[in-house]
Amino acid sequence: MNHTPSIPVLTIDGPSGSGKGTVGQLLAQRLGWHFLDSGALYRALGVAANRAEVDLGDKAALARLAMTMDIHFRPRSGGDVVDVLLNGEEVGDRLRTEESGRRASILAAIPEIRLALLQKQHSFRQPPGLVADGRDMGSAVFPDAILKVYLTATPEVRAERRYKQLKDKGFDVNLRRLLDEIRERDARDAGREASPLKPANDACILDTSQLDISGVVERVYGLLRERHRPG
């Protein structure tokens, strides 16, 4: 499914808390394109592994689980939220915890897991187009994307965003601990051998530290229109 250059792809990569998920969802709705939150695939795999009592060190079992789990994204009307369906069950809130993010970061560093999920990621590339957010969408998964964007922000800003997001959802969180976890995850993601976190060579890098979500959406939409005229 990846060998379909006629189907345009916009990739939005970046570290946790850079705003890529919300920006990607809003752009997908605006364009009428499909949406892929690649991080949710790894988070969902962590949930599925926990339910199936599969150890995170059992690479073969995890790879089998990755290939067989069924995951879909269902946009909610008029908002920047998508429901995440894992084997038919909505698990979105369960995927947004810091523990879920920690497990996802561990899974994403395993080459066998990345390979198992690659075909599943490619399957989201369907007409009229795809907005894919993650950490290596432009550099590894969709290298022929018509526009590759890399969003970043300071760790402090990203921690504050995550703090507010989780507080609004009723989670009991600590800002200092969030900041430490973000820094640890940045180091782990950037240092891993399998698709380390870094911009694609031809990515447009955008620092969102001083921008709100609507400002980022407009900037990325403007860049896209320079390269592709959405129908």
Protein backbone atom coordinates (compact mmCIF):
# COMPACT_ATOMS: atom_id res chain seq x y z
CA MET A 1 0.00 0.00 0.00
CA ASN A 2 3.00 2.27 0.40
CA HIS A 3 3.72 2.05 -3.33
CA THR A 4 0.86 4.40 -4.21
CA PRO A 5 2.50 7.77 -4.98
CA SER A 6 -0.75 9.09 -6.46
CA ILE A 7 -2.23 9.15 -2.93
CA PRO A 8 -0.72 12.18 -1.16
CA VAL A 9 0.70 11.91 2.35
CA LEU A 10 1.46 14.71 4.82
CA THR A 11 3.75 13.58 7.63
CA ILE A 12 4.01 15.38 10.96
CA ASP A 13 6.80 14.13 13.20
CA GLY A 14 8.20 15.35 16.49
CA PRO A 15 8.67 14.56 20.18
CA SER A 16 5.87 14.07 22.70
CA GLY A 17 4.06 17.30 23.53
CA SER A 18 5.03 19.15 20.35
CA GLY A 19 1.37 19.32 19.29
CA LYS A 20 1.67 16.98 16.31
CA GLY A 21 -1.32 14.82 17.25
CA THR A 22 -3.82 17.67 17.58
CA VAL A 23 -2.41 19.45 14.53
CA GLY A 24 -2.60 16.24 12.51
CA GLN A 25 -6.20 15.55 13.50
CA LEU A 26 -7.32 19.10 12.66
CA LEU A 27 -5.56 19.05 9.30
CA ALA A 28 -7.02 15.65 8.41
CA GLN A 29 -10.51 16.95 9.17
CA ARG A 30 -9.92 20.14 7.22
CA LEU A 31 -8.58 18.24 4.20
CA GLY A 32 -11.04 15.37 4.41
CA TRP A 33 -8.11 12.94 4.51
CA HIS A 34 -7.50 9.83 6.57
CA PHE A 35 -5.54 10.12 9.81
CA LEU A 36 -2.85 7.91 11.33
CA ASP A 37 -1.53 8.40 14.85
CA SER A 38 1.41 6.01 14.67
CA GLY A 39 2.20 6.48 18.35
CA ALA A 40 -1.25 5.11 19.18
CA LEU A 41 -0.30 1.87 17.42
CA TYR A 42 2.57 1.34 19.86
CA ARG A 43 0.49 2.43 22.83
CA ALA A 44 -2.32 0.10 21.75
CA LEU A 45 0.15 -2.74 21.42
CA GLY A 46 1.24 -2.09 24.99
CA VAL A 47 -2.39 -2.33 26.14
CA ALA A 48 -2.96 -5.48 24.09
CA ALA A 49 0.23 -7.04 25.48
CA ASN A 50 -0.84 -6.26 29.03
CA ARG A 51 -4.24 -7.85 28.46
CA ALA A 52 -2.72 -10.93 26.84
CA GLU A 53 -0.07 -11.11 29.59
CA VAL A 54 2.73 -10.92 27.03
CA ASP A 55 6.04 -9.75 28.47
CA LEU A 56 7.60 -6.69 26.81
CA GLY A 57 10.78 -8.72 26.39
CA ASP A 58 9.09 -11.45 24.30
CA LYS A 59 9.78 -9.99 20.85
CA ALA A 60 8.27 -12.88 18.85
CA ALA A 61 4.99 -12.85 20.78
CA LEU A 62 4.80 -9.06 20.58
CA ALA A 63 5.36 -9.14 16.81
CA ARG A 64 2.55 -11.68 16.38
CA LEU A 65 0.28 -9.53 18.53
CA ALA A 66 1.18 -6.42 16.50
CA MET A 67 0.23 -8.09 13.23
CA THR A 68 -3.09 -9.44 14.47
CA MET A 69 -4.47 -6.53 16.52
CA ASP A 70 -7.20 -4.50 14.80
CA ILE A 71 -6.97 -0.72 15.23
CA HIS A 72 -9.03 2.10 13.74
CA PHE A 73 -9.30 5.87 14.25
CA ARG A 74 -12.81 7.33 14.34
CA PRO A 75 -12.94 11.15 14.25
CA ARG A 76 -15.43 12.94 16.46
CA SER A 77 -17.51 15.52 14.66
CA GLY A 78 -16.38 19.14 15.01
CA GLY A 79 -13.41 18.57 17.30
CA ASP A 80 -9.73 17.71 17.49
CA VAL A 81 -10.30 14.33 19.13
CA VAL A 82 -10.39 10.89 17.53
CA ASP A 83 -11.64 7.71 19.14
CA VAL A 84 -9.11 4.88 19.02
CA LEU A 85 -10.70 1.47 18.56
CA LEU A 86 -8.62 -1.55 19.57
CA ASN A 87 -10.29 -4.78 18.48
CA GLY A 88 -13.58 -2.88 18.42
CA GLU A 89 -13.21 -1.28 21.88
CA GLU A 90 -12.63 2.45 22.41
CA VAL A 91 -9.37 2.79 24.36
CA GLY A 92 -8.35 6.40 23.68
CA ASP A 93 -8.11 7.58 27.28
CA ARG A 94 -6.17 4.47 28.26
CA LEU A 95 -3.55 5.29 25.63
CA ARG A 96 -2.91 8.84 26.89
CA THR A 97 -1.40 7.99 30.27
CA GLU A 98 2.32 8.48 30.89
CA GLU A 99 2.70 4.76 31.65
CA SER A 100 1.23 3.98 28.23
CA GLY A 101 3.74 6.37 26.67
CA ARG A 102 6.61 4.75 28.54
CA ARG A 103 5.62 1.28 27.31
CA ALA A 104 5.21 2.58 23.76
CA SER A 105 8.71 4.08 23.81
CA ILE A 106 10.15 0.71 24.88
CA LEU A 107 8.23 -1.13 22.13
CA ALA A 108 9.22 1.41 19.48
CA ALA A 109 12.90 0.68 20.11
CA ILE A 110 12.46 -2.98 19.09
CA PRO A 111 13.21 -3.48 15.35
CA GLU A 112 10.97 -6.57 15.13
CA ILE A 113 8.00 -4.55 16.39
CA ARG A 114 8.64 -1.66 14.02
CA LEU A 115 8.76 -4.10 11.09
CA ALA A 116 5.55 -5.82 12.21
CA LEU A 117 3.70 -2.51 12.40
CA LEU A 118 5.10 -1.09 9.14
CA GLN A 119 2.57 -2.83 6.88
CA LYS A 120 -0.26 -1.78 9.19
CA GLN A 121 0.91 1.85 8.92
CA HIS A 122 1.08 1.62 5.12
CA SER A 123 -2.49 0.31 5.02
CA PHE A 124 -3.77 3.70 6.20
CA ARG A 125 -2.63 5.27 2.91
CA GLN A 126 -5.97 5.44 1.15
CA PRO A 127 -7.70 8.00 -1.13
CA PRO A 128 -8.04 10.93 -1.05
CA GLY A 129 -4.94 11.30 1.18
CA LEU A 130 -3.36 10.66 4.56
CA VAL A 131 -2.09 12.78 7.42
CA ALA A 132 0.34 10.67 9.46
CA ASP A 133 1.85 11.79 12.75
CA GLY A 134 4.61 10.13 14.70
CA ARG A 135 8.37 10.11 15.08
CA ASP A 136 9.62 8.58 11.83
CA MET A 137 6.71 9.01 9.42
CA GLY A 138 8.68 11.22 7.05
CA SER A 139 12.10 9.67 7.54
CA ALA A 140 11.20 5.96 7.37
CA VAL A 141 7.53 5.06 6.87
CA PHE A 142 6.45 7.47 4.10
CA PRO A 143 9.70 8.78 2.57
CA ASP A 144 7.79 9.91 -0.55
CA ALA A 145 5.39 12.17 1.36
CA ILE A 146 4.55 15.41 -0.48
CA LEU A 147 5.25 17.42 2.68
CA LYS A 148 7.22 16.44 5.77
CA VAL A 149 6.87 18.60 8.86
CA TYR A 150 8.84 18.24 12.08
CA LEU A 151 7.30 20.01 15.08
CA THR A 152 9.34 20.72 18.17
CA ALA A 153 9.14 22.78 21.37
CA THR A 154 11.18 23.15 24.55
CA PRO A 155 10.82 20.30 27.08
CA GLU A 156 9.34 22.78 29.58
CA VAL A 157 6.59 23.88 27.17
CA ARG A 158 5.83 20.29 26.19
CA ALA A 159 5.61 19.21 29.83
CA GLU A 160 3.18 22.05 30.59
CA ARG A 161 1.01 21.02 27.63
CA ARG A 162 0.92 17.41 28.75
CA TYR A 163 0.19 18.50 32.32
CA LYS A 164 -2.81 20.56 31.22
CA GLN A 165 -4.04 17.85 28.85
CA LEU A 166 -3.94 15.15 31.51
CA LYS A 167 -5.37 17.42 34.24
CA ASP A 168 -8.31 18.28 31.96
CA LYS A 169 -8.99 14.56 31.62
CA GLY A 170 -9.00 14.06 35.38
CA PHE A 171 -5.57 12.42 35.77
CA ASP A 172 -3.48 13.09 38.89
CA VAL A 173 -0.13 14.25 37.50
CA ASN A 174 3.00 16.03 38.69
CA LEU A 175 4.58 18.67 36.43
CA ARG A 176 8.16 18.02 37.57
CA ARG A 177 7.79 14.29 37.05
CA LEU A 178 6.29 14.90 33.60
CA LEU A 179 9.26 17.08 32.65
CA ASP A 180 11.72 14.39 33.82
CA GLU A 181 9.82 11.71 31.88
CA ILE A 182 9.78 13.82 28.71
CA ARG A 183 13.53 14.40 28.92
CA GLU A 184 14.16 10.69 29.54
CA ARG A 185 11.93 9.73 26.62
CA ASP A 186 13.62 12.26 24.33
CA ALA A 187 17.00 10.72 25.15
CA ARG A 188 15.71 7.17 24.65
CA ASP A 189 13.95 7.97 21.37
CA ALA A 190 16.89 9.93 19.96
CA GLY A 191 19.42 7.30 20.97
CA ARG A 192 17.66 4.15 19.80
CA GLU A 193 19.13 2.22 16.88
CA ALA A 194 15.81 1.62 15.12
CA SER A 195 14.55 4.85 13.47
CA PRO A 196 15.88 7.34 16.04
CA LEU A 197 13.88 10.51 16.59
CA LYS A 198 15.19 13.12 14.19
CA PRO A 199 13.81 15.23 11.31
CA ALA A 200 13.85 13.81 7.79
CA ASN A 201 16.53 15.48 5.67
CA ASP A 202 13.87 17.31 3.64
CA ALA A 203 11.52 18.14 6.54
CA CYS A 204 10.24 21.62 7.33
CA ILE A 205 11.15 22.22 10.99
CA LEU A 206 8.71 24.32 13.00
CA ASP A 207 9.24 25.32 16.64
CA THR A 208 5.79 25.53 18.27
CA SER A 209 6.96 26.86 21.65
CA GLN A 210 5.44 30.31 21.00
CA LEU A 211 2.57 29.23 18.73
CA ASP A 212 -0.95 28.11 19.54
CA ILE A 213 -2.53 25.14 17.78
CA SER A 214 -4.48 27.23 15.26
CA GLY A 215 -1.30 29.07 14.30
CA VAL A 216 0.55 25.81 13.69
CA VAL A 217 -2.35 24.41 11.65
CA GLU A 218 -2.39 27.49 9.41
CA ARG A 219 1.37 27.37 8.90
CA VAL A 220 1.35 23.70 7.91
CA TYR A 221 -1.76 24.10 5.73
CA GLY A 222 -0.07 26.97 3.92
CA LEU A 223 3.03 24.85 3.29
CA LEU A 224 0.87 22.03 1.97
CA ARG A 225 -1.00 24.29 -0.44
CA GLU A 226 2.31 25.40 -1.92
CA ARG A 227 2.94 21.77 -2.95
CA HIS A 228 -0.52 20.29 -3.39
CA ARG A 229 -3.93 21.72 -4.16
CA PRO A 230 -6.41 19.79 -2.02
CA GLY A 231 -9.58 18.89 -3.86
